[in-house]
Amino acid sequence: MKTWHYVDPQNQKQQAPESELPSLIAEDQITPNSLVWAEGLTQWTPAGQAIGQLFNANAVTVGAPPPIPHGSPKKCHEVDYEIFGDDMQIVEVELDPGESVVAEAGAMNYIEEGIMFESKMGDGSKPDEGLMGKLLSVGKRALTGESIFMTHFTHRGSGKKRVAFAAPFPGKIVAVNMAESSGELICQKDAFLCAAFGTEVSIAFNKKLGAGFFGGEGFILQRLRGDGMAFIHAGGTITKKELKGETLRVDTGCIVAFSPGIDYDIQRAGNLKSMFFGGEGMFLATLSGHGTVYLQSLPFSRMADRILAHAPSAGGRSQGEGSVLGGLGRLLDGDN
């Protein structure tokens, strides 16, 4: 039986036996404009010319579109965006009429006239989901420490309108095109800010005990699925690393997100001397495999610890703020 090579809708080269061509055509994996090649052809040829008879037969015998494969992401709304600011950023999302964006409760900074918003249980990625499914989604969000409601912003007017979302603490907002990230991203549980409607926001369990206890991200992570734009936020500066089979060792708590092809674990930070006196903690997180990794330079919890450690009102150590009077000066100024 002849083997056919074809270019799929994701512009990837695939191959299949000739007997599977009708089903691939029915599933729109091969269209009349798809390039195909098989033994006997001198070059890649549009499928409509090389196997045109199969399209004619398919048009007669197929009376309904093929079923959507189980687990495939729903089509997300296509939104434009712009990120403003440096360390206290906002992301401004531009919506066409009928387009929507979902966000964490309280993340909205401003909206233009014509955009309506509504708090709902869930992200709306499964419109046919029943009550039990919605309650299960709410329970999952409660485990991540997020609000049980998400806010849906929909453009009900005409023209292009904008809605902006603000970062909750100093850091960076990263725009992720989910279609270019294998359709899935695993994030730390408070990284999600907002996303195009249709993006599924759920949870992922860290199955490795060591990584769950000592990795800094805990056992419960966020999972984003979709094929549109999603926006995540983290502290300090965010760097993007592409791993191609390498292993990256990271300070615990500095992992923001990674793609499904990355294996996440922990290992000891060197020998006993390094573990106790090196200042890097007892363990390091390890990331290995093939995929994308996002890292943050300053986790919010670490920044908060530093602030509390130097807050005199909380019993922290005073630095005198450059004054020769130190605490006495604050007392005279009424700051104590």
C-alpha atoms as a PDB file:
ATOM      1  CA  MET A   1       0.000   0.000   0.000  1.00  0.00           C
ATOM      2  CA  LYS A   2       1.300   3.447  -0.943  1.00  0.00           C
ATOM      3  CA  THR A   3       2.411   5.828   1.826  1.00  0.00           C
ATOM      4  CA  TRP A   4       1.454   9.479   1.482  1.00  0.00           C
ATOM      5  CA  HIS A   5       3.347  12.394   3.019  1.00  0.00           C
ATOM      6  CA  TYR A   6       1.374  15.569   3.769  1.00  0.00           C
ATOM      7  CA  VAL A   7       1.655  18.966   5.496  1.00  0.00           C
ATOM      8  CA  ASP A   8      -0.936  19.308   8.303  1.00  0.00           C
ATOM      9  CA  PRO A   9      -2.740  22.558   9.344  1.00  0.00           C
ATOM     10  CA  GLN A  10       0.082  23.252  11.848  1.00  0.00           C
ATOM     11  CA  ASN A  11       2.561  23.215   8.944  1.00  0.00           C
ATOM     12  CA  GLN A  12       4.118  19.976  10.209  1.00  0.00           C
ATOM     13  CA  LYS A  13       5.111  17.152   7.864  1.00  0.00           C
ATOM     14  CA  GLN A  14       3.150  13.932   8.504  1.00  0.00           C
ATOM     15  CA  GLN A  15       2.670  10.597   6.743  1.00  0.00           C
ATOM     16  CA  ALA A  16      -0.119   8.028   6.534  1.00  0.00           C
ATOM     17  CA  PRO A  17      -1.091   4.955   4.511  1.00  0.00           C
ATOM     18  CA  GLU A  18      -3.384   5.567   1.569  1.00  0.00           C
ATOM     19  CA  SER A  19      -6.297   3.851   3.362  1.00  0.00           C
ATOM     20  CA  GLU A  20      -6.350   6.619   6.007  1.00  0.00           C
ATOM     21  CA  LEU A  21      -6.594   9.502   3.550  1.00  0.00           C
ATOM     22  CA  PRO A  22     -10.440   9.695   3.559  1.00  0.00           C
ATOM     23  CA  SER A  23     -10.559  10.017   7.352  1.00  0.00           C
ATOM     24  CA  LEU A  24      -7.799  12.656   7.335  1.00  0.00           C
ATOM     25  CA  ILE A  25      -9.769  14.603   4.746  1.00  0.00           C
ATOM     26  CA  ALA A  26     -12.952  14.286   6.817  1.00  0.00           C
ATOM     27  CA  GLU A  27     -11.085  15.668   9.849  1.00  0.00           C
ATOM     28  CA  ASP A  28      -9.688  18.587   7.778  1.00  0.00           C
ATOM     29  CA  GLN A  29      -6.137  17.409   8.387  1.00  0.00           C
ATOM     30  CA  ILE A  30      -5.777  17.341   4.617  1.00  0.00           C
ATOM     31  CA  THR A  31      -7.543  20.033   2.561  1.00  0.00           C
ATOM     32  CA  PRO A  32      -7.506  20.617  -1.203  1.00  0.00           C
ATOM     33  CA  ASN A  33      -4.683  23.140  -0.678  1.00  0.00           C
ATOM     34  CA  SER A  34      -2.555  20.862   1.542  1.00  0.00           C
ATOM     35  CA  LEU A  35       0.730  19.815  -0.030  1.00  0.00           C
ATOM     36  CA  VAL A  36       1.131  16.045  -0.478  1.00  0.00           C
ATOM     37  CA  TRP A  37       3.728  13.724  -1.938  1.00  0.00           C
ATOM     38  CA  ALA A  38       3.914  10.010  -2.654  1.00  0.00           C
ATOM     39  CA  GLU A  39       5.966   7.688  -4.819  1.00  0.00           C
ATOM     40  CA  GLY A  40       5.307   8.560  -8.433  1.00  0.00           C
ATOM     41  CA  LEU A  41       5.034  12.329  -7.896  1.00  0.00           C
ATOM     42  CA  THR A  42       8.008  14.447  -8.913  1.00  0.00           C
ATOM     43  CA  GLN A  43       7.312  17.195  -6.347  1.00  0.00           C
ATOM     44  CA  TRP A  44       4.977  18.289  -3.558  1.00  0.00           C
ATOM     45  CA  THR A  45       1.533  18.813  -5.076  1.00  0.00           C
ATOM     46  CA  PRO A  46      -1.749  20.310  -3.759  1.00  0.00           C
ATOM     47  CA  ALA A  47      -3.991  17.489  -2.549  1.00  0.00           C
ATOM     48  CA  GLY A  48      -6.858  18.783  -4.697  1.00  0.00           C
ATOM     49  CA  GLN A  49      -4.802  17.897  -7.775  1.00  0.00           C
ATOM     50  CA  ALA A  50      -3.107  14.724  -6.566  1.00  0.00           C
ATOM     51  CA  ILE A  51      -6.075  13.030  -4.865  1.00  0.00           C
ATOM     52  CA  GLY A  52      -8.988  15.185  -6.005  1.00  0.00           C
ATOM     53  CA  GLN A  53     -11.262  12.161  -6.412  1.00  0.00           C
ATOM     54  CA  LEU A  54     -11.195  11.574  -2.640  1.00  0.00           C
ATOM     55  CA  PHE A  55     -12.527  15.061  -1.946  1.00  0.00           C
ATOM     56  CA  ASN A  56     -15.409  14.523  -4.374  1.00  0.00           C
ATOM     57  CA  ALA A  57     -16.262  11.204  -2.735  1.00  0.00           C
ATOM     58  CA  ASN A  58     -16.001  12.759   0.719  1.00  0.00           C
ATOM     59  CA  ALA A  59     -18.391  15.548  -0.210  1.00  0.00           C
ATOM     60  CA  VAL A  60     -21.044  12.971  -1.139  1.00  0.00           C
ATOM     61  CA  THR A  61     -20.661  10.493   1.699  1.00  0.00           C
ATOM     62  CA  VAL A  62     -19.948  12.779   4.625  1.00  0.00           C
ATOM     63  CA  GLY A  63     -23.091  14.574   5.759  1.00  0.00           C
ATOM     64  CA  ALA A  64     -21.776  16.123   9.011  1.00  0.00           C
ATOM     65  CA  PRO A  65     -18.471  17.437  10.307  1.00  0.00           C
ATOM     66  CA  PRO A  66     -16.266  14.937  12.147  1.00  0.00           C
ATOM     67  CA  PRO A  67     -16.399  14.849  15.963  1.00  0.00           C
ATOM     68  CA  ILE A  68     -13.974  17.060  17.855  1.00  0.00           C
ATOM     69  CA  PRO A  69     -11.155  14.905  19.273  1.00  0.00           C
ATOM     70  CA  HIS A  70     -11.466  14.366  23.025  1.00  0.00           C
ATOM     71  CA  GLY A  71      -9.387  16.730  25.105  1.00  0.00           C
ATOM     72  CA  SER A  72      -8.556  19.157  22.306  1.00  0.00           C
ATOM     73  CA  PRO A  73      -8.552  22.833  23.378  1.00  0.00           C
ATOM     74  CA  LYS A  74     -11.494  24.984  22.403  1.00  0.00           C
ATOM     75  CA  LYS A  75     -10.933  27.820  19.992  1.00  0.00           C
ATOM     76  CA  CYS A  76      -9.953  30.933  21.952  1.00  0.00           C
ATOM     77  CA  HIS A  77     -10.893  34.458  20.991  1.00  0.00           C
ATOM     78  CA  GLU A  78      -8.166  36.322  19.128  1.00  0.00           C
ATOM     79  CA  VAL A  79      -7.237  39.467  21.053  1.00  0.00           C
ATOM     80  CA  ASP A  80      -4.632  42.171  20.567  1.00  0.00           C
ATOM     81  CA  TYR A  81      -2.704  43.588  23.508  1.00  0.00           C
ATOM     82  CA  GLU A  82      -0.066  46.044  24.683  1.00  0.00           C
ATOM     83  CA  ILE A  83       1.951  46.007  27.904  1.00  0.00           C
ATOM     84  CA  PHE A  84       2.759  49.312  29.627  1.00  0.00           C
ATOM     85  CA  GLY A  85       5.140  50.135  32.452  1.00  0.00           C
ATOM     86  CA  ASP A  86       8.366  48.744  33.784  1.00  0.00           C
ATOM     87  CA  ASP A  87       8.143  47.213  37.269  1.00  0.00           C
ATOM     88  CA  MET A  88       4.461  47.929  37.999  1.00  0.00           C
ATOM     89  CA  GLN A  89       2.986  46.900  34.679  1.00  0.00           C
ATOM     90  CA  ILE A  90      -0.473  46.776  33.164  1.00  0.00           C
ATOM     91  CA  VAL A  91      -1.597  44.850  30.101  1.00  0.00           C
ATOM     92  CA  GLU A  92      -4.180  46.524  27.875  1.00  0.00           C
ATOM     93  CA  VAL A  93      -6.283  44.055  25.873  1.00  0.00           C
ATOM     94  CA  GLU A  94      -8.092  45.266  22.751  1.00  0.00           C
ATOM     95  CA  LEU A  95     -11.435  43.602  22.016  1.00  0.00           C
ATOM     96  CA  ASP A  96     -13.480  43.526  18.847  1.00  0.00           C
ATOM     97  CA  PRO A  97     -17.279  43.363  19.150  1.00  0.00           C
ATOM     98  CA  GLY A  98     -18.272  40.022  20.668  1.00  0.00           C
ATOM     99  CA  GLU A  99     -14.780  39.175  21.931  1.00  0.00           C
ATOM    100  CA  SER A 100     -14.132  38.385  25.595  1.00  0.00           C
ATOM    101  CA  VAL A 101     -11.270  38.070  28.028  1.00  0.00           C
ATOM    102  CA  VAL A 102     -11.314  36.328  31.432  1.00  0.00           C
ATOM    103  CA  ALA A 103      -9.303  37.512  34.426  1.00  0.00           C
ATOM    104  CA  GLU A 104      -8.718  36.913  38.097  1.00  0.00           C
ATOM    105  CA  ALA A 105     -11.159  38.764  40.359  1.00  0.00           C
ATOM    106  CA  GLY A 106      -9.835  42.234  41.186  1.00  0.00           C
ATOM    107  CA  ALA A 107      -7.242  42.348  38.408  1.00  0.00           C
ATOM    108  CA  MET A 108      -9.065  44.930  36.262  1.00  0.00           C
ATOM    109  CA  ASN A 109      -7.509  48.416  36.149  1.00  0.00           C
ATOM    110  CA  TYR A 110      -9.832  50.246  33.746  1.00  0.00           C
ATOM    111  CA  ILE A 111     -12.324  49.534  30.950  1.00  0.00           C
ATOM    112  CA  GLU A 112     -13.661  51.604  28.096  1.00  0.00           C
ATOM    113  CA  GLU A 113     -17.337  52.195  27.374  1.00  0.00           C
ATOM    114  CA  GLY A 114     -19.040  49.296  25.635  1.00  0.00           C
ATOM    115  CA  ILE A 115     -17.277  46.536  27.567  1.00  0.00           C
ATOM    116  CA  MET A 116     -19.493  44.718  30.078  1.00  0.00           C
ATOM    117  CA  PHE A 117     -18.169  42.501  32.839  1.00  0.00           C
ATOM    118  CA  GLU A 118     -19.707  39.709  34.889  1.00  0.00           C
ATOM    119  CA  SER A 119     -18.404  37.443  37.640  1.00  0.00           C
ATOM    120  CA  LYS A 120     -18.894  33.760  36.887  1.00  0.00           C
ATOM    121  CA  MET A 121     -17.883  30.437  38.334  1.00  0.00           C
ATOM    122  CA  GLY A 122     -15.237  29.087  35.997  1.00  0.00           C
ATOM    123  CA  ASP A 123     -13.439  30.317  32.921  1.00  0.00           C
ATOM    124  CA  GLY A 124     -16.223  29.620  30.416  1.00  0.00           C
ATOM    125  CA  SER A 125     -14.096  27.229  28.357  1.00  0.00           C
ATOM    126  CA  LYS A 126     -16.735  24.500  28.773  1.00  0.00           C
ATOM    127  CA  PRO A 127     -20.108  26.135  28.079  1.00  0.00           C
ATOM    128  CA  ASP A 128     -21.983  22.803  28.276  1.00  0.00           C
ATOM    129  CA  GLU A 129     -20.540  21.921  31.670  1.00  0.00           C
ATOM    130  CA  GLY A 130     -23.164  20.966  34.264  1.00  0.00           C
ATOM    131  CA  LEU A 131     -23.560  22.154  37.843  1.00  0.00           C
ATOM    132  CA  MET A 132     -21.363  19.409  39.290  1.00  0.00           C
ATOM    133  CA  GLY A 133     -18.609  20.234  36.830  1.00  0.00           C
ATOM    134  CA  LYS A 134     -18.750  23.904  37.788  1.00  0.00           C
ATOM    135  CA  LEU A 135     -18.645  23.039  41.497  1.00  0.00           C
ATOM    136  CA  LEU A 136     -15.633  20.811  40.877  1.00  0.00           C
ATOM    137  CA  SER A 137     -13.889  23.666  39.050  1.00  0.00           C
ATOM    138  CA  VAL A 138     -14.653  25.974  41.967  1.00  0.00           C
ATOM    139  CA  GLY A 139     -13.154  23.449  44.375  1.00  0.00           C
ATOM    140  CA  LYS A 140      -9.998  23.244  42.295  1.00  0.00           C
ATOM    141  CA  ARG A 141      -9.637  27.047  42.279  1.00  0.00           C
ATOM    142  CA  ALA A 142     -10.089  27.104  46.052  1.00  0.00           C
ATOM    143  CA  LEU A 143      -7.152  24.691  46.360  1.00  0.00           C
ATOM    144  CA  THR A 144      -4.906  27.155  44.503  1.00  0.00           C
ATOM    145  CA  GLY A 145      -5.874  29.976  46.883  1.00  0.00           C
ATOM    146  CA  GLU A 146      -7.596  31.974  44.126  1.00  0.00           C
ATOM    147  CA  SER A 147     -11.074  33.488  44.200  1.00  0.00           C
ATOM    148  CA  ILE A 148     -13.820  31.010  43.306  1.00  0.00           C
ATOM    149  CA  PHE A 149     -15.111  33.510  40.732  1.00  0.00           C
ATOM    150  CA  MET A 150     -13.506  34.779  37.551  1.00  0.00           C
ATOM    151  CA  THR A 151     -14.502  37.991  35.803  1.00  0.00           C
ATOM    152  CA  HIS A 152     -15.565  37.846  32.145  1.00  0.00           C
ATOM    153  CA  PHE A 153     -15.177  41.055  30.114  1.00  0.00           C
ATOM    154  CA  THR A 154     -17.142  41.135  26.844  1.00  0.00           C
ATOM    155  CA  HIS A 155     -17.287  43.869  24.210  1.00  0.00           C
ATOM    156  CA  ARG A 156     -21.010  44.515  23.613  1.00  0.00           C
ATOM    157  CA  GLY A 157     -20.655  47.737  21.619  1.00  0.00           C
ATOM    158  CA  SER A 158     -19.122  48.716  18.302  1.00  0.00           C
ATOM    159  CA  GLY A 159     -15.589  49.452  17.190  1.00  0.00           C
ATOM    160  CA  LYS A 160     -12.508  48.402  19.114  1.00  0.00           C
ATOM    161  CA  LYS A 161     -12.478  48.875  22.897  1.00  0.00           C
ATOM    162  CA  ARG A 162      -9.851  48.214  25.561  1.00  0.00           C
ATOM    163  CA  VAL A 163      -9.714  46.777  29.043  1.00  0.00           C
ATOM    164  CA  ALA A 164      -6.581  46.844  31.192  1.00  0.00           C
ATOM    165  CA  PHE A 165      -5.363  44.549  33.964  1.00  0.00           C
ATOM    166  CA  ALA A 166      -2.778  45.488  36.579  1.00  0.00           C
ATOM    167  CA  ALA A 167      -0.018  43.409  38.117  1.00  0.00           C
ATOM    168  CA  PRO A 168      -0.696  42.766  41.843  1.00  0.00           C
ATOM    169  CA  PHE A 169       2.921  43.417  42.924  1.00  0.00           C
ATOM    170  CA  PRO A 170       6.206  44.644  41.397  1.00  0.00           C
ATOM    171  CA  GLY A 171       7.364  42.381  38.609  1.00  0.00           C
ATOM    172  CA  LYS A 172       6.755  41.622  34.964  1.00  0.00           C
ATOM    173  CA  ILE A 173       3.772  40.567  32.862  1.00  0.00           C
ATOM    174  CA  VAL A 174       4.556  37.984  30.179  1.00  0.00           C
ATOM    175  CA  ALA A 175       2.312  37.405  27.169  1.00  0.00           C
ATOM    176  CA  VAL A 176       2.224  33.737  26.148  1.00  0.00           C
ATOM    177  CA  ASN A 177       0.824  32.588  22.817  1.00  0.00           C
ATOM    178  CA  MET A 178      -0.619  29.234  23.868  1.00  0.00           C
ATOM    179  CA  ALA A 179      -0.756  28.028  20.262  1.00  0.00           C
ATOM    180  CA  GLU A 180       3.043  28.249  20.203  1.00  0.00           C
ATOM    181  CA  SER A 181       3.453  26.612  23.639  1.00  0.00           C
ATOM    182  CA  SER A 182       2.011  23.171  22.802  1.00  0.00           C
ATOM    183  CA  GLY A 183      -1.398  24.451  23.892  1.00  0.00           C
ATOM    184  CA  GLU A 184      -0.552  23.973  27.577  1.00  0.00           C
ATOM    185  CA  LEU A 185       1.479  25.698  30.293  1.00  0.00           C
ATOM    186  CA  ILE A 186       2.087  24.704  33.927  1.00  0.00           C
ATOM    187  CA  CYS A 187       2.396  27.748  36.224  1.00  0.00           C
ATOM    188  CA  GLN A 188       2.939  28.533  39.869  1.00  0.00           C
ATOM    189  CA  LYS A 189      -0.464  28.841  41.491  1.00  0.00           C
ATOM    190  CA  ASP A 190      -0.693  32.659  41.576  1.00  0.00           C
ATOM    191  CA  ALA A 191       0.907  33.423  38.199  1.00  0.00           C
ATOM    192  CA  PHE A 192      -2.247  33.663  36.044  1.00  0.00           C
ATOM    193  CA  LEU A 193      -3.499  37.210  35.396  1.00  0.00           C
ATOM    194  CA  CYS A 194      -5.880  37.054  32.406  1.00  0.00           C
ATOM    195  CA  ALA A 195      -6.405  35.259  29.082  1.00  0.00           C
ATOM    196  CA  ALA A 196      -8.481  35.241  25.921  1.00  0.00           C
ATOM    197  CA  PHE A 197     -11.899  33.671  26.382  1.00  0.00           C
ATOM    198  CA  GLY A 198     -11.764  29.934  25.731  1.00  0.00           C
ATOM    199  CA  THR A 199      -8.603  29.378  27.768  1.00  0.00           C
ATOM    200  CA  GLU A 200      -9.050  26.644  30.366  1.00  0.00           C
ATOM    201  CA  VAL A 201      -7.649  27.494  33.805  1.00  0.00           C
ATOM    202  CA  SER A 202      -7.391  24.418  36.021  1.00  0.00           C
ATOM    203  CA  ILE A 203      -4.947  22.825  38.457  1.00  0.00           C
ATOM    204  CA  ALA A 204      -2.072  20.392  38.097  1.00  0.00           C
ATOM    205  CA  PHE A 205      -0.803  18.192  40.914  1.00  0.00           C
ATOM    206  CA  ASN A 206       2.899  17.798  41.495  1.00  0.00           C
ATOM    207  CA  LYS A 207       3.218  14.029  41.821  1.00  0.00           C
ATOM    208  CA  LYS A 208       6.782  14.019  43.166  1.00  0.00           C
ATOM    209  CA  LEU A 209       6.965  14.275  46.961  1.00  0.00           C
ATOM    210  CA  GLY A 210      10.391  15.895  46.999  1.00  0.00           C
ATOM    211  CA  ALA A 211       9.443  18.630  44.545  1.00  0.00           C
ATOM    212  CA  GLY A 212       6.149  19.199  46.371  1.00  0.00           C
ATOM    213  CA  PHE A 213       7.754  19.610  49.805  1.00  0.00           C
ATOM    214  CA  PHE A 214      10.982  21.394  48.899  1.00  0.00           C
ATOM    215  CA  GLY A 215      10.578  22.771  45.365  1.00  0.00           C
ATOM    216  CA  GLY A 216       9.061  26.078  46.464  1.00  0.00           C
ATOM    217  CA  GLU A 217       5.947  25.774  44.273  1.00  0.00           C
ATOM    218  CA  GLY A 218       4.090  23.224  46.417  1.00  0.00           C
ATOM    219  CA  PHE A 219       1.998  20.261  45.298  1.00  0.00           C
ATOM    220  CA  ILE A 220      -0.683  22.301  43.505  1.00  0.00           C
ATOM    221  CA  LEU A 221       0.132  24.225  40.325  1.00  0.00           C
ATOM    222  CA  GLN A 222      -2.012  25.989  37.730  1.00  0.00           C
ATOM    223  CA  ARG A 223      -2.551  24.502  34.274  1.00  0.00           C
ATOM    224  CA  LEU A 224      -3.494  26.721  31.327  1.00  0.00           C
ATOM    225  CA  ARG A 225      -4.844  25.142  28.137  1.00  0.00           C
ATOM    226  CA  GLY A 226      -5.900  26.824  24.925  1.00  0.00           C
ATOM    227  CA  ASP A 227      -4.764  28.278  21.639  1.00  0.00           C
ATOM    228  CA  GLY A 228      -5.006  32.016  22.349  1.00  0.00           C
ATOM    229  CA  MET A 229      -3.133  34.641  24.335  1.00  0.00           C
ATOM    230  CA  ALA A 230      -2.606  34.187  28.078  1.00  0.00           C
ATOM    231  CA  PHE A 231      -0.882  36.596  30.460  1.00  0.00           C
ATOM    232  CA  ILE A 232       1.090  35.549  33.522  1.00  0.00           C
ATOM    233  CA  HIS A 233       2.823  37.657  36.157  1.00  0.00           C
ATOM    234  CA  ALA A 234       5.756  37.091  38.501  1.00  0.00           C
ATOM    235  CA  GLY A 235       8.200  39.055  40.633  1.00  0.00           C
ATOM    236  CA  GLY A 236      11.360  40.859  39.600  1.00  0.00           C
ATOM    237  CA  THR A 237      12.671  40.129  36.119  1.00  0.00           C
ATOM    238  CA  ILE A 238      11.337  37.174  34.114  1.00  0.00           C
ATOM    239  CA  THR A 239      13.657  35.232  31.844  1.00  0.00           C
ATOM    240  CA  LYS A 240      12.662  32.670  29.208  1.00  0.00           C
ATOM    241  CA  LYS A 241      14.785  29.562  28.686  1.00  0.00           C
ATOM    242  CA  GLU A 242      14.464  27.002  25.888  1.00  0.00           C
ATOM    243  CA  LEU A 243      15.684  23.554  26.946  1.00  0.00           C
ATOM    244  CA  LYS A 244      16.666  21.011  24.306  1.00  0.00           C
ATOM    245  CA  GLY A 245      17.499  18.007  26.424  1.00  0.00           C
ATOM    246  CA  GLU A 246      19.583  19.996  28.921  1.00  0.00           C
ATOM    247  CA  THR A 247      19.116  20.205  32.696  1.00  0.00           C
ATOM    248  CA  LEU A 248      18.746  23.547  34.454  1.00  0.00           C
ATOM    249  CA  ARG A 249      19.195  23.933  38.214  1.00  0.00           C
ATOM    250  CA  VAL A 250      17.136  26.746  39.727  1.00  0.00           C
ATOM    251  CA  ASP A 251      16.793  28.342  43.147  1.00  0.00           C
ATOM    252  CA  THR A 252      13.598  27.004  44.723  1.00  0.00           C
ATOM    253  CA  GLY A 253      10.633  29.341  44.326  1.00  0.00           C
ATOM    254  CA  CYS A 254      12.032  31.022  41.190  1.00  0.00           C
ATOM    255  CA  ILE A 255      10.092  28.875  38.696  1.00  0.00           C
ATOM    256  CA  VAL A 256       7.160  30.729  37.130  1.00  0.00           C
ATOM    257  CA  ALA A 257       5.975  28.337  34.419  1.00  0.00           C
ATOM    258  CA  PHE A 258       7.077  25.540  32.103  1.00  0.00           C
ATOM    259  CA  SER A 259       5.700  23.593  29.162  1.00  0.00           C
ATOM    260  CA  PRO A 260       4.527  19.942  29.452  1.00  0.00           C
ATOM    261  CA  GLY A 261       7.754  18.522  27.997  1.00  0.00           C
ATOM    262  CA  ILE A 262       9.734  19.654  31.049  1.00  0.00           C
ATOM    263  CA  ASP A 263      10.423  17.285  33.966  1.00  0.00           C
ATOM    264  CA  TYR A 264      10.412  19.100  37.329  1.00  0.00           C
ATOM    265  CA  ASP A 265      12.232  17.683  40.362  1.00  0.00           C
ATOM    266  CA  ILE A 266      14.625  18.690  43.181  1.00  0.00           C
ATOM    267  CA  GLN A 267      18.144  17.750  44.221  1.00  0.00           C
ATOM    268  CA  ARG A 268      20.490  18.543  47.099  1.00  0.00           C
ATOM    269  CA  ALA A 269      22.442  21.792  46.871  1.00  0.00           C
ATOM    270  CA  GLY A 270      25.912  20.228  46.921  1.00  0.00           C
ATOM    271  CA  ASN A 271      27.582  18.804  49.996  1.00  0.00           C
ATOM    272  CA  LEU A 272      26.578  19.426  53.621  1.00  0.00           C
ATOM    273  CA  LYS A 273      28.802  22.495  53.892  1.00  0.00           C
ATOM    274  CA  SER A 274      27.186  24.070  50.822  1.00  0.00           C
ATOM    275  CA  MET A 275      23.697  23.139  51.998  1.00  0.00           C
ATOM    276  CA  PHE A 276      24.036  24.796  55.407  1.00  0.00           C
ATOM    277  CA  PHE A 277      26.424  27.683  54.746  1.00  0.00           C
ATOM    278  CA  GLY A 278      26.191  28.373  51.011  1.00  0.00           C
ATOM    279  CA  GLY A 279      23.162  30.644  51.322  1.00  0.00           C
ATOM    280  CA  GLU A 280      21.295  28.883  48.509  1.00  0.00           C
ATOM    281  CA  GLY A 281      19.225  26.631  50.748  1.00  0.00           C
ATOM    282  CA  MET A 282      19.322  22.870  51.136  1.00  0.00           C
ATOM    283  CA  PHE A 283      17.748  22.006  47.782  1.00  0.00           C
ATOM    284  CA  LEU A 284      17.689  23.218  44.204  1.00  0.00           C
ATOM    285  CA  ALA A 285      14.918  22.693  41.677  1.00  0.00           C
ATOM    286  CA  THR A 286      15.922  20.856  38.499  1.00  0.00           C
ATOM    287  CA  LEU A 287      14.265  21.296  35.114  1.00  0.00           C
ATOM    288  CA  SER A 288      15.130  18.953  32.268  1.00  0.00           C
ATOM    289  CA  GLY A 289      13.753  17.841  28.917  1.00  0.00           C
ATOM    290  CA  HIS A 290      12.524  19.688  25.849  1.00  0.00           C
ATOM    291  CA  GLY A 291      10.417  22.797  26.172  1.00  0.00           C
ATOM    292  CA  THR A 292      10.123  26.335  27.526  1.00  0.00           C
ATOM    293  CA  VAL A 293      10.805  27.544  31.069  1.00  0.00           C
ATOM    294  CA  TYR A 294       9.987  30.944  32.607  1.00  0.00           C
ATOM    295  CA  LEU A 295      11.992  32.024  35.669  1.00  0.00           C
ATOM    296  CA  GLN A 296      11.574  34.960  38.075  1.00  0.00           C
ATOM    297  CA  SER A 297      14.389  36.794  39.831  1.00  0.00           C
ATOM    298  CA  LEU A 298      12.442  37.808  42.961  1.00  0.00           C
ATOM    299  CA  PRO A 299       9.502  35.697  44.222  1.00  0.00           C
ATOM    300  CA  PHE A 300       6.919  37.828  46.002  1.00  0.00           C
ATOM    301  CA  SER A 301       7.191  35.787  49.202  1.00  0.00           C
ATOM    302  CA  ARG A 302      10.922  36.527  49.357  1.00  0.00           C
ATOM    303  CA  MET A 303      10.345  40.232  48.801  1.00  0.00           C
ATOM    304  CA  ALA A 304       7.649  40.289  51.503  1.00  0.00           C
ATOM    305  CA  ASP A 305      10.007  38.578  53.966  1.00  0.00           C
ATOM    306  CA  ARG A 306      12.657  41.237  53.331  1.00  0.00           C
ATOM    307  CA  ILE A 307      10.142  44.042  53.851  1.00  0.00           C
ATOM    308  CA  LEU A 308       8.856  42.553  57.109  1.00  0.00           C
ATOM    309  CA  ALA A 309      12.376  41.901  58.335  1.00  0.00           C
ATOM    310  CA  HIS A 310      13.149  45.624  58.052  1.00  0.00           C
ATOM    311  CA  ALA A 311       9.772  47.018  59.164  1.00  0.00           C
ATOM    312  CA  PRO A 312      10.225  48.626  62.626  1.00  0.00           C
ATOM    313  CA  SER A 313       6.475  48.494  63.297  1.00  0.00           C
ATOM    314  CA  ALA A 314       6.631  44.696  62.975  1.00  0.00           C
ATOM    315  CA  GLY A 315       9.671  44.346  65.185  1.00  0.00           C
ATOM    316  CA  GLY A 316      12.136  44.519  62.322  1.00  0.00           C
ATOM    317  CA  ARG A 317      15.624  45.945  62.421  1.00  0.00           C
ATOM    318  CA  SER A 318      15.753  49.692  61.844  1.00  0.00           C
ATOM    319  CA  GLN A 319      18.294  51.082  59.389  1.00  0.00           C
ATOM    320  CA  GLY A 320      17.824  54.669  60.585  1.00  0.00           C
ATOM    321  CA  GLU A 321      16.880  55.746  57.054  1.00  0.00           C
ATOM    322  CA  GLY A 322      20.076  57.765  56.839  1.00  0.00           C
ATOM    323  CA  SER A 323      19.175  59.961  59.803  1.00  0.00           C
ATOM    324  CA  VAL A 324      21.687  60.527  62.596  1.00  0.00           C
ATOM    325  CA  LEU A 325      18.755  60.477  65.036  1.00  0.00           C
ATOM    326  CA  GLY A 326      17.520  57.089  63.895  1.00  0.00           C
ATOM    327  CA  GLY A 327      14.571  55.904  66.000  1.00  0.00           C
ATOM    328  CA  LEU A 328      14.551  59.097  68.054  1.00  0.00           C
ATOM    329  CA  GLY A 329      14.009  61.078  64.865  1.00  0.00           C
ATOM    330  CA  ARG A 330      11.001  58.947  63.930  1.00  0.00           C
ATOM    331  CA  LEU A 331       9.603  59.397  67.419  1.00  0.00           C
ATOM    332  CA  LEU A 332       9.831  63.169  67.116  1.00  0.00           C
ATOM    333  CA  ASP A 333       8.228  63.035  63.661  1.00  0.00           C
ATOM    334  CA  GLY A 334       5.338  60.911  64.955  1.00  0.00           C
ATOM    335  CA  ASP A 335       6.222  57.873  62.798  1.00  0.00           C
ATOM    336  CA  ASN A 336       6.339  55.441  65.763  1.00  0.00           C
END
